[in-house]
Amino acid sequence: MSWKCDKCGKTFENEDIPEKCPECNSEGVTFSLVDKKSENE
């Protein structure tokens, strides 16, 4: 699944919702689930 950090906007792959963003390294931020099907069209 693809997740988008609501703080920095970085999208990355992870099996389930991450505890912190690997890009901006912020804890306690929220993540949005990205639908890959609509993104690739």
Protein backbone atom coordinates (compact mmCIF):
# COMPACT_ATOMS: atom_id res chain seq x y z
CA MET A 1 0.00 0.00 0.00
CA SER A 2 1.07 3.56 -0.58
CA TRP A 3 0.93 6.17 2.14
CA LYS A 4 1.26 9.92 1.88
CA CYS A 5 2.57 11.96 4.79
CA ASP A 6 0.11 14.76 5.49
CA LYS A 7 2.95 16.91 6.80
CA CYS A 8 5.59 16.80 4.05
CA GLY A 9 3.55 15.23 1.25
CA LYS A 10 6.02 12.42 0.57
CA THR A 11 4.48 9.19 -0.72
CA PHE A 12 6.03 5.83 0.12
CA GLU A 13 5.26 2.11 0.19
CA ASN A 14 4.48 0.35 3.46
CA GLU A 15 2.45 -2.72 4.43
CA ASP A 16 0.42 -0.83 7.01
CA ILE A 17 0.17 2.69 8.36
CA PRO A 18 3.62 3.88 9.45
CA GLU A 19 4.35 5.19 12.92
CA LYS A 20 6.48 8.02 11.60
CA CYS A 21 7.37 9.43 8.22
CA PRO A 22 10.67 8.12 6.80
CA GLU A 23 11.11 11.38 4.90
CA CYS A 24 10.47 14.18 7.43
CA ASN A 25 10.88 11.81 10.42
CA SER A 26 7.97 13.42 12.28
CA GLU A 27 6.12 11.33 14.81
CA GLY A 28 2.42 11.76 15.42
CA VAL A 29 1.68 13.00 11.90
CA THR A 30 -1.24 11.60 9.96
CA PHE A 31 -1.02 9.62 6.75
CA SER A 32 -3.36 9.31 3.80
CA LEU A 33 -3.80 6.02 1.94
CA VAL A 34 -2.96 6.57 -1.72
CA ASP A 35 -4.91 4.66 -4.36
CA LYS A 36 -2.27 3.49 -6.84
CA LYS A 37 -4.81 2.63 -9.55
CA SER A 38 -6.01 6.20 -10.01
CA GLU A 39 -2.48 7.57 -9.63
CA ASN A 40 -1.07 5.57 -12.55
CA GLU A 41 -3.70 6.55 -15.13
